[in-house]
Protein backbone atom coordinates (compact mmCIF):
# COMPACT_ATOMS: atom_id res chain seq x y z
CA MET A 1 -26.78 -39.51 40.05
CA SER A 2 -26.64 -37.44 36.90
CA ASP A 3 -23.53 -37.49 34.74
CA ASP A 4 -24.39 -34.41 32.71
CA ARG A 5 -20.83 -33.07 32.51
CA TRP A 6 -20.18 -29.77 30.88
CA VAL A 7 -18.42 -30.09 27.56
CA ALA A 8 -16.60 -27.07 26.14
CA PRO A 9 -17.99 -25.97 22.80
CA THR A 10 -15.70 -26.15 19.79
CA VAL A 11 -14.88 -22.53 18.90
CA LEU A 12 -12.29 -21.62 16.24
CA LEU A 13 -10.28 -18.35 16.70
CA ALA A 14 -9.24 -16.20 13.80
CA VAL A 15 -7.83 -12.72 13.05
CA ASP A 16 -8.89 -10.25 10.40
CA LEU A 17 -7.15 -7.12 9.32
CA VAL A 18 -8.55 -3.72 8.21
CA ILE A 19 -5.62 -1.89 6.57
CA LEU A 20 -6.47 1.68 5.41
CA THR A 21 -4.41 4.16 3.46
CA LEU A 22 -4.83 7.13 1.13
CA ARG A 23 -4.20 6.49 -2.63
CA ASP A 24 -5.26 8.80 -5.38
CA SER A 25 -6.83 11.13 -2.84
CA ARG A 26 -9.30 8.38 -1.76
CA LEU A 27 -9.46 6.30 1.53
CA GLN A 28 -8.72 2.76 0.43
CA VAL A 29 -8.80 -0.60 2.19
CA LEU A 30 -6.65 -3.72 1.52
CA LEU A 31 -8.67 -6.60 0.25
CA VAL A 32 -7.74 -10.06 -0.94
CA GLN A 33 -9.43 -12.39 -3.38
CA ARG A 34 -10.02 -15.73 -1.74
CA GLY A 35 -8.49 -18.70 -3.48
CA VAL A 36 -10.15 -21.33 -1.40
CA GLU A 37 -13.64 -22.22 -0.20
CA PRO A 38 -15.79 -20.84 1.39
CA TYR A 39 -16.40 -17.80 -0.67
CA ARG A 40 -13.81 -18.76 -3.25
CA GLY A 41 -13.25 -15.82 -5.65
CA ALA A 42 -14.91 -13.29 -3.36
CA LEU A 43 -13.17 -10.24 -1.94
CA ALA A 44 -12.32 -10.40 1.82
CA LEU A 45 -10.13 -8.91 4.44
CA PRO A 46 -6.63 -10.46 5.00
CA GLY A 47 -6.80 -12.90 7.85
CA GLY A 48 -6.99 -16.48 8.96
CA PHE A 49 -6.94 -18.94 11.84
CA LEU A 50 -4.36 -19.12 14.52
CA ASN A 51 -1.59 -21.58 13.66
CA HIS A 52 -1.44 -23.24 17.05
CA ALA A 53 -2.67 -22.80 20.64
CA GLU A 54 0.45 -20.96 21.63
CA GLU A 55 0.36 -18.30 18.91
CA ASP A 56 -0.33 -14.78 20.19
CA LEU A 57 -3.09 -12.85 18.57
CA PRO A 58 -0.97 -9.91 17.43
CA ALA A 59 1.62 -12.26 16.19
CA ALA A 60 -1.06 -14.14 14.10
CA ALA A 61 -2.26 -10.83 12.76
CA HIS A 62 1.19 -9.84 11.50
CA ARG A 63 1.78 -13.31 10.15
CA GLU A 64 -1.42 -13.26 8.11
CA LEU A 65 -0.63 -9.76 6.89
CA ALA A 66 2.75 -11.00 5.60
CA GLU A 67 1.43 -14.18 4.20
CA GLU A 68 -1.67 -12.86 2.41
CA ALA A 69 -0.57 -9.41 1.36
CA GLY A 70 3.25 -9.27 1.54
CA LEU A 71 3.31 -6.40 4.18
CA SER A 72 5.60 -6.60 7.18
CA ALA A 73 5.10 -5.64 10.77
CA ASP A 74 7.55 -2.80 10.63
CA GLN A 75 5.36 -1.05 8.15
CA LEU A 76 2.26 -0.92 10.32
CA HIS A 77 1.11 -0.37 13.85
CA LEU A 78 -1.82 -2.67 14.53
CA GLU A 79 -4.54 -1.79 17.12
CA GLN A 80 -7.36 -4.09 18.11
CA LEU A 81 -10.67 -2.97 16.39
CA GLY A 82 -13.21 -5.37 17.84
CA VAL A 83 -14.29 -9.02 18.32
CA TYR A 84 -16.79 -10.54 15.92
CA GLY A 85 -18.51 -13.76 16.88
CA THR A 86 -22.12 -13.84 15.61
CA PRO A 87 -23.28 -17.46 15.12
CA GLY A 88 -23.33 -18.33 11.47
CA ARG A 89 -20.81 -15.67 10.35
CA ASP A 90 -18.61 -18.59 8.97
CA PRO A 91 -20.03 -21.62 7.28
CA ARG A 92 -17.15 -23.70 8.55
CA GLY A 93 -18.42 -23.62 12.18
CA ARG A 94 -18.46 -21.36 15.16
CA VAL A 95 -15.65 -18.90 14.46
CA VAL A 96 -14.77 -15.87 16.49
CA SER A 97 -12.51 -13.27 14.88
CA VAL A 98 -10.43 -10.55 16.49
CA ALA A 99 -10.16 -7.74 14.03
CA TYR A 100 -7.12 -5.39 13.97
CA LEU A 101 -6.83 -1.90 12.33
CA ALA A 102 -3.95 -0.05 10.88
CA VAL A 103 -4.16 3.39 9.26
CA ALA A 104 -0.90 4.39 7.52
CA PRO A 105 0.37 6.57 4.69
CA ARG A 106 2.35 5.57 1.63
CA LEU A 107 1.85 1.78 1.82
CA PRO A 108 3.13 -0.24 -1.15
CA GLU A 109 1.30 -2.45 -3.60
CA PRO A 110 0.35 -5.71 -1.85
CA THR A 111 1.49 -9.11 -3.01
CA ALA A 112 -0.94 -12.03 -2.66
CA GLY A 113 0.12 -15.32 -1.13
CA THR A 114 -1.01 -18.45 0.68
CA ASP A 115 -4.78 -18.93 0.20
CA ALA A 116 -5.24 -15.48 -1.48
CA SER A 117 -5.26 -15.46 -5.29
CA ASP A 118 -5.00 -11.69 -5.48
CA ALA A 119 -4.62 -8.63 -3.27
CA CYS A 120 -5.51 -5.06 -4.02
CA TRP A 121 -6.29 -1.61 -2.66
CA THR A 122 -9.96 -0.81 -2.94
CA PRO A 123 -11.77 2.54 -2.28
CA THR A 124 -13.75 2.19 0.97
CA ASP A 125 -16.92 3.57 -0.71
CA ARG A 126 -16.70 0.76 -3.21
CA ALA A 127 -15.90 -1.96 -0.60
CA LEU A 128 -18.87 -0.77 1.48
CA SER A 129 -21.38 -0.79 -1.40
CA PRO A 130 -23.98 -3.67 -1.56
CA ASP A 131 -22.51 -4.71 -4.89
CA ALA A 132 -19.06 -5.47 -3.36
CA ARG A 133 -20.40 -8.67 -1.71
CA LEU A 134 -17.49 -9.14 0.69
CA ALA A 135 -17.06 -12.63 2.23
CA PHE A 136 -18.30 -13.46 5.69
CA ASP A 137 -19.29 -10.34 7.71
CA HIS A 138 -16.31 -8.38 6.33
CA ARG A 139 -18.40 -5.51 5.11
CA ARG A 140 -19.41 -4.75 8.71
CA ILE A 141 -15.76 -5.03 9.88
CA VAL A 142 -14.67 -2.62 7.13
CA ALA A 143 -17.39 -0.15 8.18
CA ASP A 144 -16.26 -0.34 11.78
CA GLY A 145 -12.66 0.31 10.71
CA VAL A 146 -13.59 3.20 8.59
CA GLU A 147 -15.54 4.77 11.40
CA ARG A 148 -12.65 4.22 13.75
CA ALA A 149 -10.22 5.94 11.30
CA ARG A 150 -12.60 8.87 10.85
CA ALA A 151 -12.82 9.34 14.64
CA LYS A 152 -9.00 9.17 14.93
CA LEU A 153 -8.74 12.20 12.65
CA GLU A 154 -11.07 14.08 14.95
CA TYR A 155 -9.14 13.46 18.16
CA SER A 156 -5.47 12.87 16.99
CA ALA A 157 -2.93 14.54 14.65
CA LEU A 158 -2.94 11.42 12.44
CA ALA A 159 -3.86 13.51 9.29
CA THR A 160 -0.47 15.20 9.29
CA ALA A 161 1.17 11.77 8.68
CA PHE A 162 -0.47 11.64 5.26
CA CYS A 163 1.14 14.97 4.24
CA GLY A 164 4.75 15.54 3.31
CA PRO A 165 7.28 17.02 5.74
CA THR A 166 5.85 20.43 5.01
CA PHE A 167 2.41 20.99 3.69
CA THR A 168 -0.23 23.64 3.01
CA ILE A 169 -3.54 23.99 4.88
CA SER A 170 -5.25 22.99 1.63
CA GLU A 171 -3.22 19.72 1.43
CA LEU A 172 -4.12 18.97 5.08
CA ARG A 173 -7.82 19.64 4.22
CA ASP A 174 -7.56 17.22 1.24
CA VAL A 175 -6.67 14.45 3.86
CA TYR A 176 -9.70 15.17 6.03
CA GLU A 177 -11.99 15.30 3.01
CA ALA A 178 -10.66 12.00 1.70
CA VAL A 179 -11.00 10.09 5.03
CA TRP A 180 -14.32 11.70 6.08
CA GLY A 181 -15.81 11.56 2.63
CA VAL A 182 -17.03 15.16 2.81
CA SER A 183 -16.31 18.58 1.39
CA LEU A 184 -15.09 21.12 3.94
CA ASP A 185 -15.36 24.82 3.80
CA PRO A 186 -11.82 26.22 3.42
CA ARG A 187 -12.22 29.15 5.75
CA ASN A 188 -13.92 27.14 8.50
CA PHE A 189 -11.30 24.47 8.23
CA TYR A 190 -8.51 27.08 8.49
CA ARG A 191 -10.03 28.54 11.58
CA LYS A 192 -10.49 25.05 13.22
CA VAL A 193 -6.92 24.09 12.56
CA GLN A 194 -5.53 27.27 13.91
CA SER A 195 -7.64 26.92 17.02
CA VAL A 196 -5.88 23.74 18.08
CA ASP A 197 -2.68 24.84 19.78
CA GLY A 198 0.34 22.67 18.74
CA PHE A 199 -1.54 20.78 15.98
CA ILE A 200 0.55 22.41 13.13
CA VAL A 201 3.30 24.99 13.21
CA PRO A 202 4.53 27.39 10.50
CA ALA A 203 7.52 26.13 8.47
CA GLY A 204 8.55 29.64 7.65
CA THR A 205 8.38 29.19 3.88
CA THR A 206 5.80 29.35 1.18
CA ARG A 207 5.00 27.27 -2.03
CA LYS A 208 3.30 28.43 -5.19
CA THR A 209 -0.16 26.98 -5.69
CA ASP A 210 -1.91 26.08 -9.03
CA THR A 211 -3.18 29.64 -9.14
CA GLY A 212 0.36 31.02 -8.97
CA ARG A 213 -0.26 32.51 -5.51
CA PRO A 214 2.12 31.59 -2.61
CA ALA A 215 0.69 29.47 0.20
CA ARG A 216 2.22 29.27 3.63
CA LEU A 217 3.81 25.94 4.54
CA PHE A 218 3.43 24.13 7.88
CA ARG A 219 4.87 21.09 9.58
CA PRO A 220 3.41 18.80 12.27
CA GLY A 221 3.34 20.30 15.71
CA PRO A 222 4.15 18.64 19.04
CA ARG A 223 0.54 17.83 20.00
CA GLU A 224 -0.75 14.30 19.23
CA ALA A 225 -4.19 14.56 20.96
CA LEU A 226 -6.31 17.42 19.55
CA HIS A 227 -8.21 19.72 21.90
CA PRO A 228 -10.65 21.02 20.84
CA PRO A 229 -11.16 18.12 18.37
CA MET A 230 -11.61 18.48 14.70
CA THR A 231 -15.26 17.55 14.59
CA ARG A 232 -16.84 16.16 11.44
CA PRO A 233 -19.82 17.79 9.73
CA THR A 234 -23.08 16.28 11.03
CA GLN A 235 -24.69 16.03 7.58
CA PRO A 236 -23.52 14.40 4.33
CA THR A 237 -22.06 16.88 1.85
CA ASP A 238 -22.05 16.92 -2.01
CA LYS A 239 -18.78 15.02 -2.05
CA GLU A 240 -20.10 12.21 0.11
CA THR A 241 -23.27 11.95 -1.87
CA ALA A 242 -21.36 11.89 -5.25
CA GLU A 243 -19.09 8.99 -4.18
CA ALA A 244 -21.90 6.89 -2.65
């Protein structure tokens, strides 16, 4: 009689975090410099292993965010981005990582801690360049997070959160250009915004622009899901090419 009993494989579970914000009119991602092996000195996403078997995944994500970058749970809403478990992605063994995404305005400077020797905001085009050499498979995870953020601007009113309480159409367009990495035609953008009922509403005031001409001010409307969506251009523009 055979005694070939099944033995559960040893799999480690980790969390990684893609935190995106707008700084200096550019979409930027939070990266840490690893202070330990493997990939000591390389840039990576904040993250790490679960502390114990009873730790919940979202709790682990918020803990790692606080420990490695000094950001608290009340500053961010995390949503699950994806699960990454390709064999060989981590030289320490079979590691499956659950990645979380947060896209938020006006985030502070991060503070490194635990096994991170530094933490910084990095433009996403720089983080996604081959020269960045992010640790593990974090370049792929960043790319997935950026694509999710770009899609969120198509179908939700997220862009208005990156503006002030009142804003001009031009300022709203700046947000879309920064996240999408494209240049948008002002007239077409104006028509698209105005075609989505409840996306933005007039604030009833104006503001002088750099040219000295007054521009109408708007504020966020009641609609959270955009219909029709604010679809992205299908081809790269001069701005996307210049930043690549």
